[in-house]
Amino acid sequence: MGWVMLALVGAVAFGLLALFGVPRTLWSFGAAALMLGATGYALQARPGLSGASAAASRAVEVDAVGATKMRELRSAMFGQFTALDYAFYPADALIRSGKADTAAHLMLGAVRQTPQAPALWTWLGMTLVEADQGTMSPAAGLAFRRGVTLAPKHPGPAFFYGMALARAGQPEAAIPWLRRALRLTPDGASYRPDVQGALIQIQMLAAMRAAAAQPPAQ
């Protein structure tokens, strides 16, 4: 039944993509989500076991957009070669060298120095999630929401908050933030396809999780 449900979810998902006129160039996001779900099911599913409610486990990382692409989107959304690069570039280098805790401390100092910069608060949230190995801590959530509060009509804080929630294994909580980011993204923005594609992938992942949680047919 698990494989049948996966096939049904796939058929419905791609039918919705066609119905809503999503460009075929973005369908690869949906295919990636389906493959992720199928792989997880093949490796971990135990269809013979009796149904039981599973406690939320530590996050399964959802790499809808890679780390390099995330930095590119940060530049596209918040601007490139700005005064905030004094914090962004060293933090990026520290994370690449495996020193996410130090990067988080650096970003915390940056928001203290420039507390009205939504981009800094947003990236503080990202570095805190990285430092906590993909976990959405209360401190990270607070940083993201501060970024949203400072720039309620900017897509950046909402987008990165949604992506961090998805990485933390909370795709259902991520979807409203990604929808908000898409609504706030100008039609002609270079990064709009990335926002739309990430939303599609995470919606499909949430749908597969919901289908997998259904009790087996008797």
C-alpha atoms as a PDB file:
ATOM      1  CA  MET A   1       0.000   0.000   0.000  1.00  0.00           C
ATOM      2  CA  GLY A   2       2.901   2.339   0.630  1.00  0.00           C
ATOM      3  CA  TRP A   3       4.029   2.174  -2.976  1.00  0.00           C
ATOM      4  CA  VAL A   4       0.458   2.600  -4.182  1.00  0.00           C
ATOM      5  CA  MET A   5       0.062   5.728  -2.041  1.00  0.00           C
ATOM      6  CA  LEU A   6       3.361   7.087  -3.349  1.00  0.00           C
ATOM      7  CA  ALA A   7       2.213   6.556  -6.938  1.00  0.00           C
ATOM      8  CA  LEU A   8      -1.112   8.255  -6.199  1.00  0.00           C
ATOM      9  CA  VAL A   9       0.612  11.222  -4.565  1.00  0.00           C
ATOM     10  CA  GLY A  10       2.910  11.537  -7.568  1.00  0.00           C
ATOM     11  CA  ALA A  11       0.047  11.434 -10.029  1.00  0.00           C
ATOM     12  CA  VAL A  12      -1.953  14.013  -8.099  1.00  0.00           C
ATOM     13  CA  ALA A  13       1.080  16.258  -7.607  1.00  0.00           C
ATOM     14  CA  PHE A  14       2.016  16.370 -11.272  1.00  0.00           C
ATOM     15  CA  GLY A  15      -1.621  16.787 -12.220  1.00  0.00           C
ATOM     16  CA  LEU A  16      -1.767  19.877  -9.996  1.00  0.00           C
ATOM     17  CA  LEU A  17       1.425  21.216 -11.528  1.00  0.00           C
ATOM     18  CA  ALA A  18      -0.158  20.969 -14.959  1.00  0.00           C
ATOM     19  CA  LEU A  19      -3.495  22.355 -13.767  1.00  0.00           C
ATOM     20  CA  PHE A  20      -1.940  25.466 -12.266  1.00  0.00           C
ATOM     21  CA  GLY A  21       0.292  26.059 -15.264  1.00  0.00           C
ATOM     22  CA  VAL A  22       3.600  25.641 -13.461  1.00  0.00           C
ATOM     23  CA  PRO A  23       6.417  25.790 -16.064  1.00  0.00           C
ATOM     24  CA  ARG A  24       7.828  22.383 -16.918  1.00  0.00           C
ATOM     25  CA  THR A  25      11.295  23.672 -16.097  1.00  0.00           C
ATOM     26  CA  LEU A  26      10.209  23.640 -12.433  1.00  0.00           C
ATOM     27  CA  TRP A  27       8.802  20.114 -12.480  1.00  0.00           C
ATOM     28  CA  SER A  28      12.241  18.783 -11.577  1.00  0.00           C
ATOM     29  CA  PHE A  29      11.690  20.097  -8.046  1.00  0.00           C
ATOM     30  CA  GLY A  30       8.654  17.866  -7.740  1.00  0.00           C
ATOM     31  CA  ALA A  31      10.498  14.886  -9.184  1.00  0.00           C
ATOM     32  CA  ALA A  32      13.300  15.428  -6.663  1.00  0.00           C
ATOM     33  CA  ALA A  33      10.832  15.431  -3.788  1.00  0.00           C
ATOM     34  CA  LEU A  34       9.195  12.231  -5.013  1.00  0.00           C
ATOM     35  CA  MET A  35      12.565  10.530  -5.384  1.00  0.00           C
ATOM     36  CA  LEU A  36      13.500  11.622  -1.860  1.00  0.00           C
ATOM     37  CA  GLY A  37      10.287  10.134  -0.507  1.00  0.00           C
ATOM     38  CA  ALA A  38      10.640   6.917  -2.503  1.00  0.00           C
ATOM     39  CA  THR A  39      14.221   6.447  -1.348  1.00  0.00           C
ATOM     40  CA  GLY A  40      13.259   6.995   2.274  1.00  0.00           C
ATOM     41  CA  TYR A  41      10.405   4.537   1.982  1.00  0.00           C
ATOM     42  CA  ALA A  42      12.561   1.900   0.327  1.00  0.00           C
ATOM     43  CA  LEU A  43      15.244   2.177   2.989  1.00  0.00           C
ATOM     44  CA  GLN A  44      13.159   2.617   6.126  1.00  0.00           C
ATOM     45  CA  ALA A  45       9.581   1.487   5.550  1.00  0.00           C
ATOM     46  CA  ARG A  46       8.284  -1.453   7.585  1.00  0.00           C
ATOM     47  CA  PRO A  47       4.838  -2.124   6.078  1.00  0.00           C
ATOM     48  CA  GLY A  48       4.409  -5.281   8.153  1.00  0.00           C
ATOM     49  CA  LEU A  49       4.415  -3.436  11.451  1.00  0.00           C
ATOM     50  CA  SER A  50       1.179  -2.396  13.128  1.00  0.00           C
ATOM     51  CA  GLY A  51       0.341   1.273  12.939  1.00  0.00           C
ATOM     52  CA  ALA A  52       1.583   3.552  15.705  1.00  0.00           C
ATOM     53  CA  SER A  53       1.921   7.282  16.009  1.00  0.00           C
ATOM     54  CA  ALA A  54       5.562   8.206  15.569  1.00  0.00           C
ATOM     55  CA  ALA A  55       7.147  10.834  17.750  1.00  0.00           C
ATOM     56  CA  ALA A  56       8.742  13.677  15.862  1.00  0.00           C
ATOM     57  CA  SER A  57      12.327  12.690  15.231  1.00  0.00           C
ATOM     58  CA  ARG A  58      15.269  14.941  14.744  1.00  0.00           C
ATOM     59  CA  ALA A  59      15.091  16.663  11.455  1.00  0.00           C
ATOM     60  CA  VAL A  60      15.728  15.035   8.144  1.00  0.00           C
ATOM     61  CA  GLU A  61      17.575  17.634   6.146  1.00  0.00           C
ATOM     62  CA  VAL A  62      15.684  18.868   3.093  1.00  0.00           C
ATOM     63  CA  ASP A  63      18.230  20.244   0.691  1.00  0.00           C
ATOM     64  CA  ALA A  64      15.692  21.867  -1.648  1.00  0.00           C
ATOM     65  CA  VAL A  65      18.256  24.552  -2.369  1.00  0.00           C
ATOM     66  CA  GLY A  66      21.963  23.875  -1.838  1.00  0.00           C
ATOM     67  CA  ALA A  67      24.208  25.928   0.421  1.00  0.00           C
ATOM     68  CA  THR A  68      25.892  27.736  -2.463  1.00  0.00           C
ATOM     69  CA  LYS A  69      22.540  28.559  -4.026  1.00  0.00           C
ATOM     70  CA  MET A  70      21.275  29.834  -0.684  1.00  0.00           C
ATOM     71  CA  ARG A  71      24.119  32.326  -0.557  1.00  0.00           C
ATOM     72  CA  GLU A  72      23.360  33.375  -4.123  1.00  0.00           C
ATOM     73  CA  LEU A  73      19.712  33.895  -3.205  1.00  0.00           C
ATOM     74  CA  ARG A  74      20.741  35.948  -0.184  1.00  0.00           C
ATOM     75  CA  SER A  75      22.673  38.259  -2.498  1.00  0.00           C
ATOM     76  CA  ALA A  76      19.805  38.386  -4.998  1.00  0.00           C
ATOM     77  CA  MET A  77      17.220  39.173  -2.333  1.00  0.00           C
ATOM     78  CA  PHE A  78      19.154  41.445   0.018  1.00  0.00           C
ATOM     79  CA  GLY A  79      21.714  42.890  -2.394  1.00  0.00           C
ATOM     80  CA  GLN A  80      25.292  42.143  -3.355  1.00  0.00           C
ATOM     81  CA  PHE A  81      28.383  44.101  -2.294  1.00  0.00           C
ATOM     82  CA  THR A  82      26.563  45.910   0.501  1.00  0.00           C
ATOM     83  CA  ALA A  83      27.741  47.188   3.859  1.00  0.00           C
ATOM     84  CA  LEU A  84      26.438  43.968   5.427  1.00  0.00           C
ATOM     85  CA  ASP A  85      29.064  41.853   3.697  1.00  0.00           C
ATOM     86  CA  TYR A  86      31.399  42.514   6.629  1.00  0.00           C
ATOM     87  CA  ALA A  87      29.323  39.936   8.490  1.00  0.00           C
ATOM     88  CA  PHE A  88      28.093  37.661   5.693  1.00  0.00           C
ATOM     89  CA  TYR A  89      31.393  36.711   4.095  1.00  0.00           C
ATOM     90  CA  PRO A  90      33.282  35.796   7.298  1.00  0.00           C
ATOM     91  CA  ALA A  91      30.255  33.832   8.529  1.00  0.00           C
ATOM     92  CA  ASP A  92      30.116  31.936   5.235  1.00  0.00           C
ATOM     93  CA  ALA A  93      33.810  31.109   5.476  1.00  0.00           C
ATOM     94  CA  LEU A  94      33.470  29.908   9.066  1.00  0.00           C
ATOM     95  CA  ILE A  95      30.569  27.621   8.167  1.00  0.00           C
ATOM     96  CA  ARG A  96      32.477  26.154   5.237  1.00  0.00           C
ATOM     97  CA  SER A  97      35.371  25.399   7.582  1.00  0.00           C
ATOM     98  CA  GLY A  98      33.089  23.634  10.047  1.00  0.00           C
ATOM     99  CA  LYS A  99      32.963  26.433  12.634  1.00  0.00           C
ATOM    100  CA  ALA A 100      29.243  27.131  12.637  1.00  0.00           C
ATOM    101  CA  ASP A 101      29.227  28.046  16.338  1.00  0.00           C
ATOM    102  CA  THR A 102      31.781  30.788  15.707  1.00  0.00           C
ATOM    103  CA  ALA A 103      29.750  31.968  12.706  1.00  0.00           C
ATOM    104  CA  ALA A 104      26.669  32.241  14.897  1.00  0.00           C
ATOM    105  CA  HIS A 105      28.566  34.315  17.461  1.00  0.00           C
ATOM    106  CA  LEU A 106      29.829  36.559  14.666  1.00  0.00           C
ATOM    107  CA  MET A 107      26.277  37.105  13.364  1.00  0.00           C
ATOM    108  CA  LEU A 108      25.024  37.777  16.885  1.00  0.00           C
ATOM    109  CA  GLY A 109      27.616  40.532  17.188  1.00  0.00           C
ATOM    110  CA  ALA A 110      26.511  41.884  13.815  1.00  0.00           C
ATOM    111  CA  VAL A 111      22.864  42.221  14.826  1.00  0.00           C
ATOM    112  CA  ARG A 112      23.913  43.930  18.035  1.00  0.00           C
ATOM    113  CA  GLN A 113      25.923  46.403  15.995  1.00  0.00           C
ATOM    114  CA  THR A 114      23.196  46.929  13.362  1.00  0.00           C
ATOM    115  CA  PRO A 115      19.916  45.873  15.045  1.00  0.00           C
ATOM    116  CA  GLN A 116      17.614  47.313  12.367  1.00  0.00           C
ATOM    117  CA  ALA A 117      18.970  45.190   9.495  1.00  0.00           C
ATOM    118  CA  PRO A 118      16.478  42.414   8.631  1.00  0.00           C
ATOM    119  CA  ALA A 119      19.049  40.617   6.471  1.00  0.00           C
ATOM    120  CA  LEU A 120      21.394  40.247   9.444  1.00  0.00           C
ATOM    121  CA  TRP A 121      18.651  38.872  11.681  1.00  0.00           C
ATOM    122  CA  THR A 122      17.637  36.445   8.952  1.00  0.00           C
ATOM    123  CA  TRP A 123      21.170  35.176   8.501  1.00  0.00           C
ATOM    124  CA  LEU A 124      21.636  34.935  12.246  1.00  0.00           C
ATOM    125  CA  GLY A 125      18.733  32.502  12.161  1.00  0.00           C
ATOM    126  CA  MET A 126      20.385  30.546   9.359  1.00  0.00           C
ATOM    127  CA  THR A 127      23.708  30.284  11.179  1.00  0.00           C
ATOM    128  CA  LEU A 128      22.004  29.236  14.422  1.00  0.00           C
ATOM    129  CA  VAL A 129      20.220  26.428  12.567  1.00  0.00           C
ATOM    130  CA  GLU A 130      23.550  25.405  11.048  1.00  0.00           C
ATOM    131  CA  ALA A 131      25.241  25.500  14.457  1.00  0.00           C
ATOM    132  CA  ASP A 132      22.478  23.314  15.892  1.00  0.00           C
ATOM    133  CA  GLN A 133      22.905  20.768  13.081  1.00  0.00           C
ATOM    134  CA  GLY A 134      19.603  21.536  11.422  1.00  0.00           C
ATOM    135  CA  THR A 135      17.493  22.053  14.528  1.00  0.00           C
ATOM    136  CA  MET A 136      15.143  25.042  14.757  1.00  0.00           C
ATOM    137  CA  SER A 137      15.923  26.333  18.235  1.00  0.00           C
ATOM    138  CA  PRO A 138      13.827  29.038  19.960  1.00  0.00           C
ATOM    139  CA  ALA A 139      16.717  31.466  19.421  1.00  0.00           C
ATOM    140  CA  ALA A 140      16.791  30.750  15.680  1.00  0.00           C
ATOM    141  CA  GLY A 141      13.023  31.135  15.406  1.00  0.00           C
ATOM    142  CA  LEU A 142      13.209  34.439  17.250  1.00  0.00           C
ATOM    143  CA  ALA A 143      15.910  35.703  14.888  1.00  0.00           C
ATOM    144  CA  PHE A 144      13.874  34.812  11.801  1.00  0.00           C
ATOM    145  CA  ARG A 145      10.702  36.410  13.169  1.00  0.00           C
ATOM    146  CA  ARG A 146      12.647  39.563  14.024  1.00  0.00           C
ATOM    147  CA  GLY A 147      13.778  39.725  10.417  1.00  0.00           C
ATOM    148  CA  VAL A 148      10.167  39.339   9.242  1.00  0.00           C
ATOM    149  CA  THR A 149       9.018  42.057  11.645  1.00  0.00           C
ATOM    150  CA  LEU A 150      11.643  44.484  10.409  1.00  0.00           C
ATOM    151  CA  ALA A 151      10.807  43.829   6.743  1.00  0.00           C
ATOM    152  CA  PRO A 152       7.205  42.564   6.550  1.00  0.00           C
ATOM    153  CA  LYS A 153       6.936  43.234   2.812  1.00  0.00           C
ATOM    154  CA  HIS A 154      10.282  41.713   1.838  1.00  0.00           C
ATOM    155  CA  PRO A 155      10.326  38.077   0.638  1.00  0.00           C
ATOM    156  CA  GLY A 156      13.773  37.298   2.030  1.00  0.00           C
ATOM    157  CA  PRO A 157      13.112  36.753   5.744  1.00  0.00           C
ATOM    158  CA  ALA A 158      10.006  34.655   5.078  1.00  0.00           C
ATOM    159  CA  PHE A 159      11.763  32.570   2.423  1.00  0.00           C
ATOM    160  CA  PHE A 160      14.795  31.708   4.529  1.00  0.00           C
ATOM    161  CA  TYR A 161      12.629  31.033   7.574  1.00  0.00           C
ATOM    162  CA  GLY A 162      10.610  28.582   5.518  1.00  0.00           C
ATOM    163  CA  MET A 163      13.707  26.888   4.156  1.00  0.00           C
ATOM    164  CA  ALA A 164      15.167  26.537   7.649  1.00  0.00           C
ATOM    165  CA  LEU A 165      11.914  25.015   8.938  1.00  0.00           C
ATOM    166  CA  ALA A 166      11.949  22.531   6.069  1.00  0.00           C
ATOM    167  CA  ARG A 167      15.528  21.603   6.853  1.00  0.00           C
ATOM    168  CA  ALA A 168      14.514  21.088  10.473  1.00  0.00           C
ATOM    169  CA  GLY A 169      12.005  18.450   9.377  1.00  0.00           C
ATOM    170  CA  GLN A 170       8.956  20.729   9.568  1.00  0.00           C
ATOM    171  CA  PRO A 171       7.754  21.059   5.950  1.00  0.00           C
ATOM    172  CA  GLU A 172       4.158  21.677   7.036  1.00  0.00           C
ATOM    173  CA  ALA A 173       5.258  24.696   9.095  1.00  0.00           C
ATOM    174  CA  ALA A 174       7.509  25.862   6.250  1.00  0.00           C
ATOM    175  CA  ILE A 175       4.761  26.059   3.621  1.00  0.00           C
ATOM    176  CA  PRO A 176       2.958  29.199   4.904  1.00  0.00           C
ATOM    177  CA  TRP A 177       6.242  31.097   5.058  1.00  0.00           C
ATOM    178  CA  LEU A 178       7.244  30.053   1.555  1.00  0.00           C
ATOM    179  CA  ARG A 179       3.809  31.002   0.241  1.00  0.00           C
ATOM    180  CA  ARG A 180       4.212  34.386   1.875  1.00  0.00           C
ATOM    181  CA  ALA A 181       7.655  34.771   0.278  1.00  0.00           C
ATOM    182  CA  LEU A 182       6.231  33.928  -3.133  1.00  0.00           C
ATOM    183  CA  ARG A 183       3.418  36.475  -2.728  1.00  0.00           C
ATOM    184  CA  LEU A 184       5.963  39.147  -1.853  1.00  0.00           C
ATOM    185  CA  THR A 185       8.339  38.284  -4.698  1.00  0.00           C
ATOM    186  CA  PRO A 186       7.995  40.595  -7.725  1.00  0.00           C
ATOM    187  CA  ASP A 187       6.936  38.842 -10.919  1.00  0.00           C
ATOM    188  CA  GLY A 188      10.122  39.815 -12.713  1.00  0.00           C
ATOM    189  CA  ALA A 189      12.543  38.965  -9.898  1.00  0.00           C
ATOM    190  CA  SER A 190      15.407  36.698 -10.967  1.00  0.00           C
ATOM    191  CA  TYR A 191      14.904  34.503  -7.914  1.00  0.00           C
ATOM    192  CA  ARG A 192      11.143  33.987  -8.292  1.00  0.00           C
ATOM    193  CA  PRO A 193      11.542  30.569  -9.997  1.00  0.00           C
ATOM    194  CA  ASP A 194      13.713  29.423  -7.090  1.00  0.00           C
ATOM    195  CA  VAL A 195      11.114  30.484  -4.524  1.00  0.00           C
ATOM    196  CA  GLN A 196       8.339  28.836  -6.518  1.00  0.00           C
ATOM    197  CA  GLY A 197      10.336  25.659  -7.052  1.00  0.00           C
ATOM    198  CA  ALA A 198      11.253  25.341  -3.382  1.00  0.00           C
ATOM    199  CA  LEU A 199       7.608  25.776  -2.404  1.00  0.00           C
ATOM    200  CA  ILE A 200       6.525  23.055  -4.837  1.00  0.00           C
ATOM    201  CA  GLN A 201       9.118  20.606  -3.569  1.00  0.00           C
ATOM    202  CA  ILE A 202       8.293  21.152   0.081  1.00  0.00           C
ATOM    203  CA  GLN A 203       4.538  20.945  -0.546  1.00  0.00           C
ATOM    204  CA  MET A 204       5.066  17.594  -2.212  1.00  0.00           C
ATOM    205  CA  LEU A 205       7.256  16.388   0.636  1.00  0.00           C
ATOM    206  CA  ALA A 206       4.560  17.384   3.130  1.00  0.00           C
ATOM    207  CA  ALA A 207       1.963  15.537   1.048  1.00  0.00           C
ATOM    208  CA  MET A 208       4.081  12.381   1.033  1.00  0.00           C
ATOM    209  CA  ARG A 209       4.577  12.593   4.780  1.00  0.00           C
ATOM    210  CA  ALA A 210       0.836  12.930   5.267  1.00  0.00           C
ATOM    211  CA  ALA A 211       0.188   9.948   3.010  1.00  0.00           C
ATOM    212  CA  ALA A 212       2.784   7.847   4.822  1.00  0.00           C
ATOM    213  CA  ALA A 213       1.150   8.684   8.160  1.00  0.00           C
ATOM    214  CA  GLN A 214      -2.175   7.211   7.072  1.00  0.00           C
ATOM    215  CA  PRO A 215      -2.989   3.863   8.727  1.00  0.00           C
ATOM    216  CA  PRO A 216      -2.629   0.853   6.411  1.00  0.00           C
ATOM    217  CA  ALA A 217      -5.771  -0.394   4.716  1.00  0.00           C
ATOM    218  CA  GLN A 218      -7.376  -3.325   6.489  1.00  0.00           C
END
